[in-house]
Protein backbone atom coordinates (compact mmCIF):
# COMPACT_ATOMS: atom_id res chain seq x y z
CA MET A 1 132.97 146.39 0.31
CA PRO A 2 132.36 149.82 1.80
CA GLU A 3 131.83 151.41 -1.58
CA GLU A 4 129.22 148.76 -2.46
CA ILE A 5 127.25 149.13 0.76
CA PHE A 6 127.27 152.92 0.64
CA ALA A 7 125.90 152.74 -3.01
CA LEU A 8 123.17 150.34 -1.96
CA ALA A 9 122.18 152.63 0.99
CA ASN A 10 121.82 155.53 -1.34
CA ALA A 11 119.77 153.43 -3.86
CA SER A 12 117.52 152.43 -1.03
CA GLU A 13 116.17 155.86 -0.57
CA LEU A 14 114.73 155.83 -4.03
CA PRO A 15 111.02 155.44 -4.55
CA SER A 16 111.72 152.40 -6.94
CA PHE A 17 113.65 150.50 -4.39
CA THR A 18 111.56 147.51 -3.32
CA GLY A 19 113.79 146.42 -0.28
CA PRO A 20 114.12 147.92 3.14
CA VAL A 21 115.74 151.36 3.87
CA ILE A 22 119.44 150.66 4.49
CA ARG A 23 121.63 152.69 6.86
CA ALA A 24 125.36 151.81 6.36
CA VAL A 25 128.26 152.42 8.78
CA GLY A 26 131.12 151.12 6.59
CA PRO A 27 134.02 149.27 8.30
CA MET A 28 134.51 148.73 12.06
CA LEU A 29 137.26 150.89 13.27
CA THR A 30 139.88 148.68 15.12
CA ALA A 31 143.51 148.27 16.09
CA PRO A 32 146.14 146.66 13.78
CA GLY A 33 145.20 143.07 13.71
CA GLY A 34 142.12 143.69 15.82
CA TYR A 35 138.66 142.20 15.29
CA PRO A 36 137.35 141.65 12.65
CA THR A 37 140.39 141.85 10.30
CA GLN A 38 141.53 138.32 11.17
CA GLU A 39 138.25 136.65 10.98
CA LYS A 40 137.50 134.17 8.10
CA TRP A 41 134.00 135.51 7.58
CA ALA A 42 135.26 138.98 7.07
CA PRO A 43 135.84 140.14 3.60
CA ALA A 44 138.56 142.81 2.85
CA GLY A 45 137.36 146.21 4.03
CA THR A 46 135.24 144.87 7.10
CA GLY A 47 137.67 146.49 9.45
CA ARG A 48 139.62 149.76 9.22
CA GLU A 49 142.98 149.60 11.31
CA LEU A 50 143.81 152.78 13.06
CA ALA A 51 147.26 154.36 13.42
CA GLY A 52 146.85 156.73 16.18
CA PRO A 53 144.33 159.48 17.36
CA GLU A 54 144.76 161.54 14.24
CA ASP A 55 144.24 158.64 11.97
CA ALA A 56 141.13 157.80 13.94
CA ALA A 57 139.71 161.16 13.49
CA ALA A 58 140.43 161.11 9.78
CA ALA A 59 138.70 157.72 9.50
CA VAL A 60 135.48 159.14 11.03
CA THR A 61 135.73 162.03 8.69
CA GLY A 62 136.09 159.75 5.65
CA LEU A 63 133.16 157.62 6.67
CA ALA A 64 131.07 160.71 7.26
CA ASP A 65 131.83 162.13 3.79
CA ALA A 66 131.01 158.73 2.37
CA GLY A 67 127.49 158.87 3.92
CA ALA A 68 127.93 156.62 6.97
CA ALA A 69 124.90 156.79 9.18
CA ALA A 70 126.86 155.98 12.40
CA ILE A 71 130.37 154.87 13.36
CA LYS A 72 131.04 151.33 14.56
CA VAL A 73 133.99 150.61 16.86
CA SER A 74 135.40 147.18 17.68
CA LEU A 75 136.11 146.62 21.32
CA ASN A 76 136.59 142.91 21.04
CA ALA A 77 139.46 142.09 23.37
CA GLU A 78 138.88 138.33 23.07
CA ALA A 79 139.79 138.38 19.38
CA GLY A 80 142.76 140.72 19.40
CA PRO A 81 143.98 144.21 20.15
CA THR A 82 141.49 147.13 20.45
CA PRO A 83 141.94 150.86 19.79
CA SER A 84 143.66 152.88 22.42
CA ASP A 85 141.69 155.29 24.70
CA GLY A 86 143.23 158.22 22.72
CA GLU A 87 141.83 156.71 19.54
CA LEU A 88 138.45 156.17 21.09
CA ALA A 89 138.26 159.86 22.31
CA ALA A 90 139.22 160.98 18.87
CA ILE A 91 136.58 158.79 17.27
CA VAL A 92 133.79 160.18 19.54
CA GLU A 93 134.81 163.73 19.28
CA ALA A 94 134.96 163.51 15.41
CA ALA A 95 131.79 161.49 15.07
CA HIS A 96 129.89 163.97 17.33
CA GLU A 97 131.14 166.90 15.31
CA ARG A 98 129.23 165.32 12.37
CA ASP A 99 126.19 164.55 14.37
CA LEU A 100 126.84 160.73 14.05
CA LEU A 101 126.44 158.43 16.87
CA VAL A 102 129.14 155.78 17.80
CA THR A 103 128.26 152.19 18.35
CA ALA A 104 130.55 149.74 19.95
CA HIS A 105 130.82 145.99 19.62
CA VAL A 106 132.11 145.16 23.16
CA GLN A 107 133.42 141.76 24.02
CA GLY A 108 135.70 140.89 26.81
CA ARG A 109 136.20 142.05 30.35
CA GLY A 110 136.47 145.79 30.80
CA GLN A 111 135.39 146.73 27.22
CA ALA A 112 131.91 147.94 28.30
CA GLU A 113 133.57 150.27 30.66
CA ARG A 114 135.78 151.70 28.03
CA ALA A 115 132.80 152.33 25.76
CA VAL A 116 130.93 154.23 28.47
CA GLY A 117 134.07 155.99 29.62
CA ALA A 118 134.71 157.25 25.95
CA GLY A 119 131.29 158.68 25.65
CA MET A 120 129.97 156.35 22.98
CA ASP A 121 126.24 156.28 22.10
CA GLU A 122 125.20 152.74 21.72
CA PHE A 123 126.14 149.03 22.50
CA ALA A 124 125.92 147.29 19.09
CA HIS A 125 125.06 144.09 21.04
CA THR A 126 123.91 143.50 24.69
CA PRO A 127 127.15 142.67 26.59
CA TRP A 128 127.31 138.90 27.18
CA THR A 129 131.01 138.06 28.25
CA GLU A 130 130.61 139.57 31.77
CA ARG A 131 128.07 140.67 34.27
CA VAL A 132 128.30 144.51 33.95
CA PRO A 133 128.21 146.08 37.41
CA ASP A 134 125.18 148.04 38.29
CA PRO A 135 126.89 151.50 38.54
CA LEU A 136 128.30 151.14 35.03
CA LEU A 137 124.90 150.15 33.58
CA GLU A 138 123.34 153.05 35.56
CA ALA A 139 126.03 155.41 33.88
CA ALA A 140 125.34 153.90 30.45
CA ALA A 141 121.52 154.12 30.81
CA ARG A 142 121.90 158.03 31.15
CA THR A 143 123.49 158.52 27.69
CA MET A 144 123.43 155.19 25.72
CA ARG A 145 121.07 152.69 24.15
CA MET A 146 121.58 148.86 23.85
CA VAL A 147 120.65 146.78 20.69
CA SER A 148 119.36 143.47 21.84
CA THR A 149 120.80 140.81 19.40
CA LEU A 150 120.08 138.08 22.03
CA ASP A 151 119.24 135.21 19.80
CA ILE A 152 122.82 135.08 18.39
CA LEU A 153 123.85 133.92 21.92
CA SER A 154 121.37 130.97 21.83
CA PHE A 155 119.83 130.28 18.43
CA GLY A 156 116.72 129.02 20.32
CA ASP A 157 118.60 127.25 23.11
CA VAL A 158 119.29 128.42 26.67
CA THR A 159 122.99 129.38 27.08
CA GLN A 160 125.01 131.01 29.85
CA GLU A 161 125.89 133.76 27.35
CA LEU A 162 122.18 134.38 26.92
CA ARG A 163 121.57 134.35 30.67
CA THR A 164 124.30 136.96 31.11
CA ALA A 165 123.07 139.13 28.35
CA CYS A 166 119.42 139.17 29.66
CA ASP A 167 120.55 139.98 33.07
CA ASN A 168 122.52 142.92 31.77
CA LEU A 169 119.62 144.03 29.59
CA VAL A 170 117.02 143.69 32.38
CA ARG A 171 119.21 145.88 34.78
CA PHE A 172 119.94 148.41 32.06
CA ARG A 173 116.24 148.83 31.47
CA ILE A 174 115.56 149.11 35.22
CA ALA A 175 118.13 151.87 35.29
CA GLY A 176 116.22 153.68 32.66
CA GLY A 177 118.13 152.63 29.51
CA THR A 178 116.61 152.47 25.99
CA VAL A 179 116.52 149.07 24.35
CA VAL A 180 116.53 148.80 20.53
CA TYR A 181 115.53 145.58 18.85
CA GLY A 182 118.33 143.96 16.58
CA THR A 183 119.13 140.72 15.23
CA ASP A 184 122.68 140.81 13.74
CA LEU A 185 121.33 139.40 10.55
CA GLY A 186 124.07 137.30 8.84
CA ASN A 187 125.35 135.89 12.14
CA GLY A 188 124.27 132.20 11.86
CA ALA A 189 120.79 131.14 11.38
CA ILE A 190 119.06 134.42 11.69
CA PRO A 191 116.21 134.92 9.35
CA PRO A 192 115.68 138.01 7.20
CA GLY A 193 112.67 140.04 8.09
CA ILE A 194 110.98 140.06 11.54
CA HIS A 195 112.71 137.62 13.78
CA LEU A 196 109.93 136.53 16.06
CA ARG A 197 112.29 134.64 18.47
CA GLU A 198 114.24 137.85 19.10
CA ALA A 199 110.93 139.73 19.90
CA LEU A 200 109.91 136.82 22.24
CA LEU A 201 113.19 136.94 24.08
CA LEU A 202 112.57 140.58 24.82
CA HIS A 203 109.17 139.83 25.99
CA GLU A 204 109.69 136.80 27.97
CA ALA A 205 113.31 137.08 29.18
CA VAL A 206 113.69 140.87 29.44
CA ARG A 207 110.21 141.39 30.76
CA MET A 208 109.17 143.87 28.14
CA THR A 209 105.52 144.28 27.37
CA PRO A 210 104.38 143.60 23.84
CA GLU A 211 103.94 147.47 23.45
CA GLU A 212 107.44 147.98 24.67
CA VAL A 213 108.80 145.49 22.27
CA LEU A 214 106.94 146.94 19.32
CA VAL A 215 108.40 150.59 20.15
CA ALA A 216 111.88 148.86 20.27
CA MET A 217 111.29 147.45 16.77
CA THR A 218 109.96 150.70 15.29
CA ALA A 219 112.01 153.56 13.92
CA GLY A 220 109.35 156.15 14.85
CA PRO A 221 105.66 156.81 15.10
CA ILE A 222 103.24 157.09 12.17
CA ALA A 223 103.11 160.90 11.36
CA VAL A 224 101.72 163.05 8.60
CA ASP A 225 104.34 163.54 5.75
CA GLY A 226 106.35 160.73 7.26
CA PRO A 227 107.49 157.68 5.15
CA ALA A 228 104.69 155.40 4.49
CA ASP A 229 106.51 152.21 5.41
CA LEU A 230 103.98 149.89 7.12
CA ILE A 231 103.40 146.11 7.71
CA VAL A 232 100.03 144.36 7.92
CA LEU A 233 99.68 141.33 10.23
CA GLY A 234 97.15 138.59 10.55
CA SER A 235 96.25 139.55 14.29
CA ASP A 236 96.98 142.13 16.90
CA PRO A 237 100.59 141.81 18.22
CA LEU A 238 99.57 143.64 21.33
CA MET A 239 97.57 140.68 22.33
CA ARG A 240 100.10 138.07 21.28
CA LEU A 241 103.49 138.84 19.88
CA GLU A 242 103.43 135.68 17.81
CA ALA A 243 101.30 137.70 15.45
CA LEU A 244 104.61 139.11 14.29
CA GLY A 245 105.19 135.70 12.53
CA ASP A 246 101.93 136.15 10.37
CA LEU A 247 103.11 138.90 8.03
CA ARG A 248 100.42 139.62 5.31
CA VAL A 249 101.41 142.91 3.62
CA VAL A 250 104.58 145.12 3.50
CA VAL A 251 104.15 148.70 2.21
CA ARG A 252 107.30 150.55 1.29
CA GLY A 253 107.06 154.28 0.61
CA GLY A 254 103.30 153.91 0.01
CA ARG A 255 103.61 151.17 -2.40
CA VAL A 256 102.66 147.53 -1.58
CA VAL A 257 105.86 145.39 -2.24
CA THR A 258 104.70 142.11 -0.59
CA GLY A 259 101.15 140.87 -0.03
């Protein structure tokens, strides 16, 4: 439920919290009957159905007031209706007025184009249902970033969806786009913590160097007066990314919580 995740996100900022820092977005903004409102896995409150541009702007304002770190929009045309272009414009305008980025779940032909056209800031998943044309990826690379979530398309196997996503992500990078590591934890057999298989897909299939993969996995560089959130590995991941699977110590806010 939204009220539960926002409360948990607030608690994660406290020094006594031993888990990871949590950034919550709240429910996905969607059309009436749109994804994910009809999904069996989705509890009540997972989606927020919109009733026009004014309601879309109001939804963003409500989420921003509740503490949302970003606004997530459902553009899943394969699972049902999607928000109108007017609603998308209202979402982006209202979110940017509150300095919030807009991330889009795009699924189905033409939905990546709608996300770019609306001025959204992020693809929540690498598009996998179509080969995105080069000009569209080039336009996206100028203003958007792309979250990988590649392994949810394969779970260790090689599938056509994975091939399509990797091709899109490679060309997005070539165009200068920013790639962010992400796993979509909760979707199938994705483990909590560092997901080595996702990191290796970025390295082996998307052709990112170990250093580039680590940058994609890191919120920011170590800096004076910054949060002391660190991990200790058994060997150097710059030499072998497999070192990410040998976690020895986790430091959260300057305190050792695992190790």
